[in-house]
Amino acid sequence: MSAQDQIKDTVTANDVVLFMKGTKSMPQCGFSSRVVGVLNFMGVDFADVNVLADEAIRQGIKDFSDWPTVPQLYVKGEFVGGCDIITEMTMSGELDQLLENSGVTFDKDAAEKIREHNG
């Protein structure tokens, strides 16, 4: 199976997927760590894909999304963005709306706490 097929299968088989450096239990870069922190704090159940473990996936995800950096968040098969976009969406409440509209369970109070403490 090609890297593109693996990526497509992963993105379609999981409601929320984060392609990242490291794993959700041990992020290997600050940007990945920030997105993992937001998702974990908000109680979002997500699959993680360590791009450092497979060079074909590491390059393949950039080609798949036409986005040059990692981490990359996907919700219901759609590319959402990287660290800066996820941070902005969290602060504006757009991430809450996206998750809610996509039927993804998350802790709304936790999302509000993030905004309160960082706003």
PDB file of N, CA and C in Angstrom:
ATOM      1  N   MET A   1       0.847  -1.185   0.000  1.00  0.00           N
ATOM      2  CA  MET A   1       0.000   0.000   0.000  1.00  0.00           C
ATOM      3  C   MET A   1       0.891   1.247   0.000  1.00  0.00           C
ATOM      4  N   SER A   2       0.555   2.197  -0.837  1.00  0.00           N
ATOM      5  CA  SER A   2       1.350   3.430  -0.924  1.00  0.00           C
ATOM      6  C   SER A   2       1.106   4.312   0.300  1.00  0.00           C
ATOM      7  N   ALA A   3       2.015   5.253   0.516  1.00  0.00           N
ATOM      8  CA  ALA A   3       1.862   6.201   1.626  1.00  0.00           C
ATOM      9  C   ALA A   3       0.559   6.981   1.467  1.00  0.00           C
ATOM     10  N   GLN A   4       0.244   7.387   0.246  1.00  0.00           N
ATOM     11  CA  GLN A   4      -0.993   8.140   0.013  1.00  0.00           C
ATOM     12  C   GLN A   4      -2.225   7.317   0.387  1.00  0.00           C
ATOM     13  N   ASP A   5      -2.207   6.022   0.050  1.00  0.00           N
ATOM     14  CA  ASP A   5      -3.322   5.149   0.410  1.00  0.00           C
ATOM     15  C   ASP A   5      -3.417   4.967   1.916  1.00  0.00           C
ATOM     16  N   GLN A   6      -2.268   4.804   2.588  1.00  0.00           N
ATOM     17  CA  GLN A   6      -2.247   4.671   4.045  1.00  0.00           C
ATOM     18  C   GLN A   6      -2.822   5.926   4.702  1.00  0.00           C
ATOM     19  N   ILE A   7      -2.404   7.086   4.215  1.00  0.00           N
ATOM     20  CA  ILE A   7      -2.881   8.358   4.773  1.00  0.00           C
ATOM     21  C   ILE A   7      -4.385   8.480   4.570  1.00  0.00           C
ATOM     22  N   LYS A   8      -4.840   8.211   3.359  1.00  0.00           N
ATOM     23  CA  LYS A   8      -6.273   8.312   3.062  1.00  0.00           C
ATOM     24  C   LYS A   8      -7.081   7.370   3.944  1.00  0.00           C
ATOM     25  N   ASP A   9      -6.606   6.139   4.109  1.00  0.00           N
ATOM     26  CA  ASP A   9      -7.298   5.171   4.960  1.00  0.00           C
ATOM     27  C   ASP A   9      -7.367   5.653   6.414  1.00  0.00           C
ATOM     28  N   THR A  10      -6.257   6.191   6.913  1.00  0.00           N
ATOM     29  CA  THR A  10      -6.202   6.672   8.295  1.00  0.00           C
ATOM     30  C   THR A  10      -7.146   7.843   8.502  1.00  0.00           C
ATOM     31  N   VAL A  11      -7.141   8.777   7.558  1.00  0.00           N
ATOM     32  CA  VAL A  11      -7.967   9.984   7.663  1.00  0.00           C
ATOM     33  C   VAL A  11      -9.455   9.639   7.578  1.00  0.00           C
ATOM     34  N   THR A  12      -9.811   8.657   6.775  1.00  0.00           N
ATOM     35  CA  THR A  12     -11.226   8.314   6.625  1.00  0.00           C
ATOM     36  C   THR A  12     -11.704   7.357   7.713  1.00  0.00           C
ATOM     37  N   ALA A  13     -10.804   6.570   8.314  1.00  0.00           N
ATOM     38  CA  ALA A  13     -11.192   5.583   9.326  1.00  0.00           C
ATOM     39  C   ALA A  13     -11.342   6.185  10.724  1.00  0.00           C
ATOM     40  N   ASN A  14     -10.832   7.409  10.931  1.00  0.00           N
ATOM     41  CA  ASN A  14     -10.860   8.040  12.249  1.00  0.00           C
ATOM     42  C   ASN A  14     -11.537   9.401  12.161  1.00  0.00           C
ATOM     43  N   ASP A  15     -12.345   9.725  13.166  1.00  0.00           N
ATOM     44  CA  ASP A  15     -13.022  11.027  13.172  1.00  0.00           C
ATOM     45  C   ASP A  15     -12.025  12.172  13.283  1.00  0.00           C
ATOM     46  N   VAL A  16     -11.010  11.994  14.129  1.00  0.00           N
ATOM     47  CA  VAL A  16     -10.005  13.035  14.335  1.00  0.00           C
ATOM     48  C   VAL A  16      -8.631  12.377  14.283  1.00  0.00           C
ATOM     49  N   VAL A  17      -7.758  12.932  13.440  1.00  0.00           N
ATOM     50  CA  VAL A  17      -6.395  12.405  13.287  1.00  0.00           C
ATOM     51  C   VAL A  17      -5.410  13.559  13.334  1.00  0.00           C
ATOM     52  N   LEU A  18      -4.324  13.349  14.084  1.00  0.00           N
ATOM     53  CA  LEU A  18      -3.236  14.315  14.108  1.00  0.00           C
ATOM     54  C   LEU A  18      -1.975  13.650  13.597  1.00  0.00           C
ATOM     55  N   PHE A  19      -1.498  14.133  12.455  1.00  0.00           N
ATOM     56  CA  PHE A  19      -0.191  13.735  11.939  1.00  0.00           C
ATOM     57  C   PHE A  19       0.813  14.643  12.619  1.00  0.00           C
ATOM     58  N   MET A  20       1.765  14.046  13.336  1.00  0.00           N
ATOM     59  CA  MET A  20       2.618  14.837  14.216  1.00  0.00           C
ATOM     60  C   MET A  20       4.013  14.236  14.323  1.00  0.00           C
ATOM     61  N   LYS A  21       4.911  15.009  14.906  1.00  0.00           N
ATOM     62  CA  LYS A  21       6.240  14.507  15.232  1.00  0.00           C
ATOM     63  C   LYS A  21       6.165  13.933  16.633  1.00  0.00           C
ATOM     64  N   GLY A  22       6.336  12.630  16.733  1.00  0.00           N
ATOM     65  CA  GLY A  22       6.189  11.928  17.997  1.00  0.00           C
ATOM     66  C   GLY A  22       4.791  11.344  18.105  1.00  0.00           C
ATOM     67  N   THR A  23       4.403  11.057  19.353  1.00  0.00           N
ATOM     68  CA  THR A  23       3.089  10.477  19.623  1.00  0.00           C
ATOM     69  C   THR A  23       2.345  11.371  20.605  1.00  0.00           C
ATOM     70  N   LYS A  24       1.047  11.115  20.756  1.00  0.00           N
ATOM     71  CA  LYS A  24       0.292  11.956  21.687  1.00  0.00           C
ATOM     72  C   LYS A  24       0.771  11.777  23.119  1.00  0.00           C
ATOM     73  N   SER A  25       1.385  10.641  23.436  1.00  0.00           N
ATOM     74  CA  SER A  25       1.922  10.456  24.779  1.00  0.00           C
ATOM     75  C   SER A  25       3.347  11.001  24.915  1.00  0.00           C
ATOM     76  N   MET A  26       4.020  11.217  23.770  1.00  0.00           N
ATOM     77  CA  MET A  26       5.362  11.777  23.801  1.00  0.00           C
ATOM     78  C   MET A  26       5.646  12.592  22.528  1.00  0.00           C
ATOM     79  N   PRO A  27       5.070  13.818  22.462  1.00  0.00           N
ATOM     80  CA  PRO A  27       5.333  14.678  21.303  1.00  0.00           C
ATOM     81  C   PRO A  27       6.828  15.001  21.194  1.00  0.00           C
ATOM     82  N   GLN A  28       7.306  15.111  19.957  1.00  0.00           N
ATOM     83  CA  GLN A  28       8.726  15.341  19.711  1.00  0.00           C
ATOM     84  C   GLN A  28       9.038  16.747  19.212  1.00  0.00           C
ATOM     85  N   CYS A  29       8.052  17.635  19.202  1.00  0.00           N
ATOM     86  CA  CYS A  29       8.312  19.037  18.873  1.00  0.00           C
ATOM     87  C   CYS A  29       7.274  19.909  19.563  1.00  0.00           C
ATOM     88  N   GLY A  30       7.608  21.164  19.747  1.00  0.00           N
ATOM     89  CA  GLY A  30       6.727  22.078  20.462  1.00  0.00           C
ATOM     90  C   GLY A  30       5.389  22.296  19.792  1.00  0.00           C
ATOM     91  N   PHE A  31       5.388  22.350  18.460  1.00  0.00           N
ATOM     92  CA  PHE A  31       4.144  22.588  17.736  1.00  0.00           C
ATOM     93  C   PHE A  31       3.191  21.399  17.891  1.00  0.00           C
ATOM     94  N   SER A  32       3.740  20.189  17.746  1.00  0.00           N
ATOM     95  CA  SER A  32       2.927  18.987  17.953  1.00  0.00           C
ATOM     96  C   SER A  32       2.428  18.935  19.389  1.00  0.00           C
ATOM     97  N   SER A  33       3.293  19.275  20.331  1.00  0.00           N
ATOM     98  CA  SER A  33       2.936  19.258  21.743  1.00  0.00           C
ATOM     99  C   SER A  33       1.788  20.226  22.043  1.00  0.00           C
ATOM    100  N   ARG A  34       1.810  21.391  21.416  1.00  0.00           N
ATOM    101  CA  ARG A  34       0.752  22.378  21.651  1.00  0.00           C
ATOM    102  C   ARG A  34      -0.598  21.852  21.171  1.00  0.00           C
ATOM    103  N   VAL A  35      -0.641  21.272  19.978  1.00  0.00           N
ATOM    104  CA  VAL A  35      -1.913  20.769  19.450  1.00  0.00           C
ATOM    105  C   VAL A  35      -2.403  19.580  20.289  1.00  0.00           C
ATOM    106  N   VAL A  36      -1.496  18.684  20.656  1.00  0.00           N
ATOM    107  CA  VAL A  36      -1.861  17.560  21.520  1.00  0.00           C
ATOM    108  C   VAL A  36      -2.422  18.082  22.837  1.00  0.00           C
ATOM    109  N   GLY A  37      -1.787  19.101  23.402  1.00  0.00           N
ATOM    110  CA  GLY A  37      -2.249  19.680  24.660  1.00  0.00           C
ATOM    111  C   GLY A  37      -3.668  20.205  24.566  1.00  0.00           C
ATOM    112  N   VAL A  38      -3.969  20.907  23.483  1.00  0.00           N
ATOM    113  CA  VAL A  38      -5.318  21.441  23.271  1.00  0.00           C
ATOM    114  C   VAL A  38      -6.325  20.296  23.149  1.00  0.00           C
ATOM    115  N   LEU A  39      -6.022  19.325  22.296  1.00  0.00           N
ATOM    116  CA  LEU A  39      -6.960  18.215  22.080  1.00  0.00           C
ATOM    117  C   LEU A  39      -7.163  17.409  23.358  1.00  0.00           C
ATOM    118  N   ASN A  40      -6.081  17.116  24.067  1.00  0.00           N
ATOM    119  CA  ASN A  40      -6.198  16.349  25.313  1.00  0.00           C
ATOM    120  C   ASN A  40      -6.984  17.124  26.362  1.00  0.00           C
ATOM    121  N   PHE A  41      -6.693  18.408  26.519  1.00  0.00           N
ATOM    122  CA  PHE A  41      -7.380  19.222  27.526  1.00  0.00           C
ATOM    123  C   PHE A  41      -8.872  19.292  27.233  1.00  0.00           C
ATOM    124  N   MET A  42      -9.201  19.357  25.946  1.00  0.00           N
ATOM    125  CA  MET A  42     -10.609  19.434  25.541  1.00  0.00           C
ATOM    126  C   MET A  42     -11.279  18.053  25.517  1.00  0.00           C
ATOM    127  N   GLY A  43     -10.497  17.007  25.807  1.00  0.00           N
ATOM    128  CA  GLY A  43     -11.073  15.666  25.869  1.00  0.00           C
ATOM    129  C   GLY A  43     -11.453  15.081  24.527  1.00  0.00           C
ATOM    130  N   VAL A  44     -10.764  15.510  23.463  1.00  0.00           N
ATOM    131  CA  VAL A  44     -11.043  15.005  22.123  1.00  0.00           C
ATOM    132  C   VAL A  44     -10.334  13.661  21.943  1.00  0.00           C
ATOM    133  N   ASP A  45     -11.080  12.654  21.532  1.00  0.00           N
ATOM    134  CA  ASP A  45     -10.495  11.356  21.226  1.00  0.00           C
ATOM    135  C   ASP A  45      -9.920  11.449  19.813  1.00  0.00           C
ATOM    136  N   PHE A  46      -8.614  11.223  19.679  1.00  0.00           N
ATOM    137  CA  PHE A  46      -7.995  11.351  18.358  1.00  0.00           C
ATOM    138  C   PHE A  46      -6.925  10.295  18.137  1.00  0.00           C
ATOM    139  N   ALA A  47      -6.750   9.952  16.867  1.00  0.00           N
ATOM    140  CA  ALA A  47      -5.671   9.054  16.468  1.00  0.00           C
ATOM    141  C   ALA A  47      -4.438   9.898  16.195  1.00  0.00           C
ATOM    142  N   ASP A  48      -3.277   9.359  16.536  1.00  0.00           N
ATOM    143  CA  ASP A  48      -2.029  10.061  16.260  1.00  0.00           C
ATOM    144  C   ASP A  48      -1.184   9.233  15.299  1.00  0.00           C
ATOM    145  N   VAL A  49      -0.510   9.927  14.393  1.00  0.00           N
ATOM    146  CA  VAL A  49       0.391   9.276  13.452  1.00  0.00           C
ATOM    147  C   VAL A  49       1.745   9.961  13.574  1.00  0.00           C
ATOM    148  N   ASN A  50       2.749   9.189  13.977  1.00  0.00           N
ATOM    149  CA  ASN A  50       4.100   9.708  14.154  1.00  0.00           C
ATOM    150  C   ASN A  50       4.816   9.733  12.805  1.00  0.00           C
ATOM    151  N   VAL A  51       4.955  10.920  12.234  1.00  0.00           N
ATOM    152  CA  VAL A  51       5.592  11.032  10.917  1.00  0.00           C
ATOM    153  C   VAL A  51       7.091  10.748  10.985  1.00  0.00           C
ATOM    154  N   LEU A  52       7.676  10.807  12.170  1.00  0.00           N
ATOM    155  CA  LEU A  52       9.107  10.520  12.309  1.00  0.00           C
ATOM    156  C   LEU A  52       9.400   9.034  12.144  1.00  0.00           C
ATOM    157  N   ALA A  53       8.385   8.200  12.301  1.00  0.00           N
ATOM    158  CA  ALA A  53       8.568   6.752  12.207  1.00  0.00           C
ATOM    159  C   ALA A  53       8.593   6.244  10.772  1.00  0.00           C
ATOM    160  N   ASP A  54       8.184   7.073   9.808  1.00  0.00           N
ATOM    161  CA  ASP A  54       8.089   6.619   8.419  1.00  0.00           C
ATOM    162  C   ASP A  54       8.296   7.805   7.479  1.00  0.00           C
ATOM    163  N   GLU A  55       9.418   7.817   6.799  1.00  0.00           N
ATOM    164  CA  GLU A  55       9.755   8.931   5.901  1.00  0.00           C
ATOM    165  C   GLU A  55       8.720   9.089   4.786  1.00  0.00           C
ATOM    166  N   ALA A  56       8.178   7.975   4.298  1.00  0.00           N
ATOM    167  CA  ALA A  56       7.177   8.059   3.228  1.00  0.00           C
ATOM    168  C   ALA A  56       5.914   8.773   3.726  1.00  0.00           C
ATOM    169  N   ILE A  57       5.519   8.508   4.954  1.00  0.00           N
ATOM    170  CA  ILE A  57       4.358   9.191   5.537  1.00  0.00           C
ATOM    171  C   ILE A  57       4.710  10.651   5.830  1.00  0.00           C
ATOM    172  N   ARG A  58       5.931  10.880   6.317  1.00  0.00           N
ATOM    173  CA  ARG A  58       6.351  12.252   6.643  1.00  0.00           C
ATOM    174  C   ARG A  58       6.258  13.162   5.424  1.00  0.00           C
ATOM    175  N   GLN A  59       6.746  12.693   4.281  1.00  0.00           N
ATOM    176  CA  GLN A  59       6.638  13.486   3.062  1.00  0.00           C
ATOM    177  C   GLN A  59       5.238  13.369   2.457  1.00  0.00           C
ATOM    178  N   GLY A  60       4.656  12.181   2.566  1.00  0.00           N
ATOM    179  CA  GLY A  60       3.358  11.920   1.957  1.00  0.00           C
ATOM    180  C   GLY A  60       2.248  12.796   2.494  1.00  0.00           C
ATOM    181  N   ILE A  61       2.283  13.083   3.806  1.00  0.00           N
ATOM    182  CA  ILE A  61       1.217  13.907   4.380  1.00  0.00           C
ATOM    183  C   ILE A  61       1.309  15.338   3.867  1.00  0.00           C
ATOM    184  N   LYS A  62       2.524  15.799   3.611  1.00  0.00           N
ATOM    185  CA  LYS A  62       2.696  17.154   3.063  1.00  0.00           C
ATOM    186  C   LYS A  62       2.140  17.232   1.640  1.00  0.00           C
ATOM    187  N   ASP A  63       2.359  16.168   0.876  1.00  0.00           N
ATOM    188  CA  ASP A  63       1.828  16.110  -0.486  1.00  0.00           C
ATOM    189  C   ASP A  63       0.302  15.940  -0.469  1.00  0.00           C
ATOM    190  N   PHE A  64      -0.176  15.109   0.446  1.00  0.00           N
ATOM    191  CA  PHE A  64      -1.605  14.803   0.547  1.00  0.00           C
ATOM    192  C   PHE A  64      -2.425  16.065   0.797  1.00  0.00           C
ATOM    193  N   SER A  65      -1.939  16.911   1.690  1.00  0.00           N
ATOM    194  CA  SER A  65      -2.679  18.108   2.079  1.00  0.00           C
ATOM    195  C   SER A  65      -2.247  19.354   1.322  1.00  0.00           C
ATOM    196  N   ASP A  66      -1.110  19.256   0.632  1.00  0.00           N
ATOM    197  CA  ASP A  66      -0.488  20.417   0.008  1.00  0.00           C
ATOM    198  C   ASP A  66      -0.192  21.484   1.071  1.00  0.00           C
ATOM    199  N   TRP A  67       0.267  20.998   2.231  1.00  0.00           N
ATOM    200  CA  TRP A  67       0.613  21.853   3.373  1.00  0.00           C
ATOM    201  C   TRP A  67       2.028  21.468   3.787  1.00  0.00           C
ATOM    202  N   PRO A  68       2.946  22.439   3.920  1.00  0.00           N
ATOM    203  CA  PRO A  68       4.372  22.101   4.052  1.00  0.00           C
ATOM    204  C   PRO A  68       4.854  21.672   5.426  1.00  0.00           C
ATOM    205  N   THR A  69       4.022  21.793   6.454  1.00  0.00           N
ATOM    206  CA  THR A  69       4.514  21.534   7.801  1.00  0.00           C
ATOM    207  C   THR A  69       3.652  20.514   8.550  1.00  0.00           C
ATOM    208  N   VAL A  70       4.220  20.003   9.624  1.00  0.00           N
ATOM    209  CA  VAL A  70       3.564  19.085  10.544  1.00  0.00           C
ATOM    210  C   VAL A  70       3.650  19.752  11.906  1.00  0.00           C
ATOM    211  N   PRO A  71       2.631  19.701  12.738  1.00  0.00           N
ATOM    212  CA  PRO A  71       1.487  18.798  12.722  1.00  0.00           C
ATOM    213  C   PRO A  71       0.390  19.226  11.754  1.00  0.00           C
ATOM    214  N   GLN A  72      -0.455  18.244  11.440  1.00  0.00           N
ATOM    215  CA  GLN A  72      -1.628  18.482  10.610  1.00  0.00           C
ATOM    216  C   GLN A  72      -2.820  17.774  11.240  1.00  0.00           C
ATOM    217  N   LEU A  73      -3.892  18.530  11.445  1.00  0.00           N
ATOM    218  CA  LEU A  73      -5.102  17.978  12.054  1.00  0.00           C
ATOM    219  C   LEU A  73      -6.171  17.757  10.993  1.00  0.00           C
ATOM    220  N   TYR A  74      -6.795  16.577  11.068  1.00  0.00           N
ATOM    221  CA  TYR A  74      -7.909  16.219  10.191  1.00  0.00           C
ATOM    222  C   TYR A  74      -9.118  15.899  11.057  1.00  0.00           C
ATOM    223  N   VAL A  75     -10.277  16.423  10.672  1.00  0.00           N
ATOM    224  CA  VAL A  75     -11.532  16.117  11.340  1.00  0.00           C
ATOM    225  C   VAL A  75     -12.508  15.621  10.285  1.00  0.00           C
ATOM    226  N   LYS A  76     -13.012  14.420  10.492  1.00  0.00           N
ATOM    227  CA  LYS A  76     -13.975  13.794   9.566  1.00  0.00           C
ATOM    228  C   LYS A  76     -13.451  13.816   8.121  1.00  0.00           C
ATOM    229  N   GLY A  77     -12.167  13.503   7.976  1.00  0.00           N
ATOM    230  CA  GLY A  77     -11.574  13.387   6.647  1.00  0.00           C
ATOM    231  C   GLY A  77     -11.107  14.686   6.022  1.00  0.00           C
ATOM    232  N   GLU A  78     -11.390  15.815   6.675  1.00  0.00           N
ATOM    233  CA  GLU A  78     -11.028  17.116   6.113  1.00  0.00           C
ATOM    234  C   GLU A  78      -9.815  17.702   6.834  1.00  0.00           C
ATOM    235  N   PHE A  79      -8.880  18.227   6.060  1.00  0.00           N
ATOM    236  CA  PHE A  79      -7.715  18.903   6.624  1.00  0.00           C
ATOM    237  C   PHE A  79      -8.165  20.205   7.288  1.00  0.00           C
ATOM    238  N   VAL A  80      -7.782  20.387   8.551  1.00  0.00           N
ATOM    239  CA  VAL A  80      -8.161  21.594   9.288  1.00  0.00           C
ATOM    240  C   VAL A  80      -7.011  22.595   9.301  1.00  0.00           C
ATOM    241  N   GLY A  81      -5.807  22.128   9.628  1.00  0.00           N
ATOM    242  CA  GLY A  81      -4.671  23.038   9.643  1.00  0.00           C
ATOM    243  C   GLY A  81      -3.562  22.545  10.540  1.00  0.00           C
ATOM    244  N   GLY A  82      -2.583  23.412  10.715  1.00  0.00           N
ATOM    245  CA  GLY A  82      -1.440  23.136  11.557  1.00  0.00           C
ATOM    246  C   GLY A  82      -1.569  23.836  12.898  1.00  0.00           C
ATOM    247  N   CYS A  83      -0.468  23.942  13.596  1.00  0.00           N
ATOM    248  CA  CYS A  83      -0.458  24.457  14.959  1.00  0.00           C
ATOM    249  C   CYS A  83      -1.044  25.870  15.062  1.00  0.00           C
ATOM    250  N   ASP A  84      -0.594  26.791  14.233  1.00  0.00           N
ATOM    251  CA  ASP A  84      -1.069  28.173  14.324  1.00  0.00           C
ATOM    252  C   ASP A  84      -2.569  28.265  14.062  1.00  0.00           C
ATOM    253  N   ILE A  85      -3.041  27.547  13.068  1.00  0.00           N
ATOM    254  CA  ILE A  85      -4.467  27.574  12.728  1.00  0.00           C
ATOM    255  C   ILE A  85      -5.294  26.959  13.849  1.00  0.00           C
ATOM    256  N   ILE A  86      -4.831  25.843  14.404  1.00  0.00           N
ATOM    257  CA  ILE A  86      -5.563  25.195  15.501  1.00  0.00           C
ATOM    258  C   ILE A  86      -5.597  26.116  16.721  1.00  0.00           C
ATOM    259  N   THR A  87      -4.477  26.788  17.001  1.00  0.00           N
ATOM    260  CA  THR A  87      -4.434  27.730  18.123  1.00  0.00           C
ATOM    261  C   THR A  87      -5.439  28.860  17.918  1.00  0.00           C
ATOM    262  N   GLU A  88      -5.443  29.446  16.725  1.00  0.00           N
ATOM    263  CA  GLU A  88      -6.382  30.530  16.421  1.00  0.00           C
ATOM    264  C   GLU A  88      -7.829  30.052  16.515  1.00  0.00           C
ATOM    265  N   MET A  89      -8.101  28.864  15.975  1.00  0.00           N
ATOM    266  CA  MET A  89      -9.460  28.324  15.998  1.00  0.00           C
ATOM    267  C   MET A  89      -9.908  28.024  17.430  1.00  0.00           C
ATOM    268  N   THR A  90      -8.991  27.587  18.267  1.00  0.00           N
ATOM    269  CA  THR A  90      -9.318  27.320  19.667  1.00  0.00           C
ATOM    270  C   THR A  90      -9.688  28.617  20.368  1.00  0.00           C
ATOM    271  N   MET A  91      -8.898  29.642  20.150  1.00  0.00           N
ATOM    272  CA  MET A  91      -9.126  30.927  20.819  1.00  0.00           C
ATOM    273  C   MET A  91     -10.401  31.618  20.340  1.00  0.00           C
ATOM    274  N   SER A  92     -10.748  31.441  19.073  1.00  0.00           N
ATOM    275  CA  SER A  92     -11.945  32.107  18.528  1.00  0.00           C
ATOM    276  C   SER A  92     -13.229  31.310  18.763  1.00  0.00           C
ATOM    277  N   GLY A  93     -13.085  30.040  19.149  1.00  0.00           N
ATOM    278  CA  GLY A  93     -14.253  29.178  19.304  1.00  0.00           C
ATOM    279  C   GLY A  93     -14.610  28.413  18.039  1.00  0.00           C
ATOM    280  N   GLU A  94     -13.878  28.673  16.953  1.00  0.00           N
ATOM    281  CA  GLU A  94     -14.160  27.976  15.691  1.00  0.00           C
ATOM    282  C   GLU A  94     -13.920  26.473  15.801  1.00  0.00           C
ATOM    283  N   LEU A  95     -12.902  26.071  16.596  1.00  0.00           N
ATOM    284  CA  LEU A  95     -12.633  24.640  16.749  1.00  0.00           C
ATOM    285  C   LEU A  95     -13.815  23.960  17.439  1.00  0.00           C
ATOM    286  N   ASP A  96     -14.388  24.620  18.443  1.00  0.00           N
ATOM    287  CA  ASP A  96     -15.577  24.093  19.119  1.00  0.00           C
ATOM    288  C   ASP A  96     -16.692  23.854  18.095  1.00  0.00           C
ATOM    289  N   GLN A  97     -16.934  24.862  17.260  1.00  0.00           N
ATOM    290  CA  GLN A  97     -18.005  24.773  16.256  1.00  0.00           C
ATOM    291  C   GLN A  97     -17.740  23.635  15.286  1.00  0.00           C
ATOM    292  N   LEU A  98     -16.490  23.522  14.824  1.00  0.00           N
ATOM    293  CA  LEU A  98     -16.143  22.459  13.881  1.00  0.00           C
ATOM    294  C   LEU A  98     -16.379  21.087  14.513  1.00  0.00           C
ATOM    295  N   LEU A  99     -15.896  20.902  15.737  1.00  0.00           N
ATOM    296  CA  LEU A  99     -16.071  19.615  16.406  1.00  0.00           C
ATOM    297  C   LEU A  99     -17.544  19.316  16.634  1.00  0.00           C
ATOM    298  N   GLU A 100     -18.284  20.316  17.096  1.00  0.00           N
ATOM    299  CA  GLU A 100     -19.705  20.128  17.359  1.00  0.00           C
ATOM    300  C   GLU A 100     -20.461  19.789  16.069  1.00  0.00           C
ATOM    301  N   ASN A 101     -20.196  20.541  15.008  1.00  0.00           N
ATOM    302  CA  ASN A 101     -20.868  20.304  13.726  1.00  0.00           C
ATOM    303  C   ASN A 101     -20.484  18.963  13.121  1.00  0.00           C
ATOM    304  N   SER A 102     -19.315  18.444  13.495  1.00  0.00           N
ATOM    305  CA  SER A 102     -18.829  17.165  12.970  1.00  0.00           C
ATOM    306  C   SER A 102     -19.247  15.993  13.839  1.00  0.00           C
ATOM    307  N   GLY A 103     -19.923  16.282  14.939  1.00  0.00           N
ATOM    308  CA  GLY A 103     -20.372  15.215  15.827  1.00  0.00           C
ATOM    309  C   GLY A 103     -19.268  14.615  16.675  1.00  0.00           C
ATOM    310  N   VAL A 104     -18.202  15.390  16.901  1.00  0.00           N
ATOM    311  CA  VAL A 104     -17.072  14.922  17.705  1.00  0.00           C
ATOM    312  C   VAL A 104     -17.271  15.400  19.144  1.00  0.00           C
ATOM    313  N   THR A 105     -17.203  14.481  20.074  1.00  0.00           N
ATOM    314  CA  THR A 105     -17.384  14.795  21.487  1.00  0.00           C
ATOM    315  C   THR A 105     -16.172  15.524  22.042  1.00  0.00           C
ATOM    316  N   PHE A 106     -16.424  16.582  22.814  1.00  0.00           N
ATOM    317  CA  PHE A 106     -15.358  17.316  23.480  1.00  0.00           C
ATOM    318  C   PHE A 106     -15.938  18.032  24.689  1.00  0.00           C
ATOM    319  N   ASP A 107     -15.059  18.495  25.566  1.00  0.00           N
ATOM    320  CA  ASP A 107     -15.457  19.170  26.798  1.00  0.00           C
ATOM    321  C   ASP A 107     -15.543  20.675  26.539  1.00  0.00           C
ATOM    322  N   LYS A 108     -16.765  21.180  26.452  1.00  0.00           N
ATOM    323  CA  LYS A 108     -16.965  22.606  26.152  1.00  0.00           C
ATOM    324  C   LYS A 108     -16.436  23.498  27.267  1.00  0.00           C
ATOM    325  N   ASP A 109     -16.565  23.052  28.504  1.00  0.00           N
ATOM    326  CA  ASP A 109     -16.042  23.838  29.625  1.00  0.00           C
ATOM    327  C   ASP A 109     -14.518  23.961  29.548  1.00  0.00           C
ATOM    328  N   ALA A 110     -13.859  22.877  29.168  1.00  0.00           N
ATOM    329  CA  ALA A 110     -12.400  22.911  29.028  1.00  0.00           C
ATOM    330  C   ALA A 110     -11.998  23.874  27.919  1.00  0.00           C
ATOM    331  N   ALA A 111     -12.731  23.859  26.815  1.00  0.00           N
ATOM    332  CA  ALA A 111     -12.439  24.783  25.714  1.00  0.00           C
ATOM    333  C   ALA A 111     -12.568  26.217  26.184  1.00  0.00           C
ATOM    334  N   GLU A 112     -13.589  26.492  26.980  1.00  0.00           N
ATOM    335  CA  GLU A 112     -13.800  27.835  27.510  1.00  0.00           C
ATOM    336  C   GLU A 112     -12.675  28.230  28.468  1.00  0.00           C
ATOM    337  N   LYS A 113     -12.198  27.285  29.259  1.00  0.00           N
ATOM    338  CA  LYS A 113     -11.088  27.547  30.176  1.00  0.00           C
ATOM    339  C   LYS A 113      -9.817  27.940  29.412  1.00  0.00           C
ATOM    340  N   ILE A 114      -9.573  27.282  28.282  1.00  0.00           N
ATOM    341  CA  ILE A 114      -8.402  27.625  27.462  1.00  0.00           C
ATOM    342  C   ILE A 114      -8.504  29.101  27.058  1.00  0.00           C
ATOM    343  N   ARG A 115      -9.694  29.501  26.598  1.00  0.00           N
ATOM    344  CA  ARG A 115      -9.878  30.887  26.166  1.00  0.00           C
ATOM    345  C   ARG A 115      -9.735  31.866  27.336  1.00  0.00           C
ATOM    346  N   GLU A 116     -10.295  31.497  28.477  1.00  0.00           N
ATOM    347  CA  GLU A 116     -10.202  32.368  29.653  1.00  0.00           C
ATOM    348  C   GLU A 116      -8.759  32.606  30.082  1.00  0.00           C
ATOM    349  N   HIS A 117      -7.970  31.555  30.059  1.00  0.00           N
ATOM    350  CA  HIS A 117      -6.585  31.648  30.563  1.00  0.00           C
ATOM    351  C   HIS A 117      -5.592  32.187  29.535  1.00  0.00           C
ATOM    352  N   ASN A 118      -5.991  32.218  28.272  1.00  0.00           N
ATOM    353  CA  ASN A 118      -5.069  32.664  27.225  1.00  0.00           C
ATOM    354  C   ASN A 118      -5.562  33.892  26.471  1.00  0.00           C
ATOM    355  N   GLY A 119      -6.747  34.377  26.824  1.00  0.00           N
ATOM    356  CA  GLY A 119      -7.368  35.474  26.088  1.00  0.00           C
ATOM    357  C   GLY A 119      -6.892  36.838  26.483  1.00  0.00           C
TER     358      GLY A 119
END
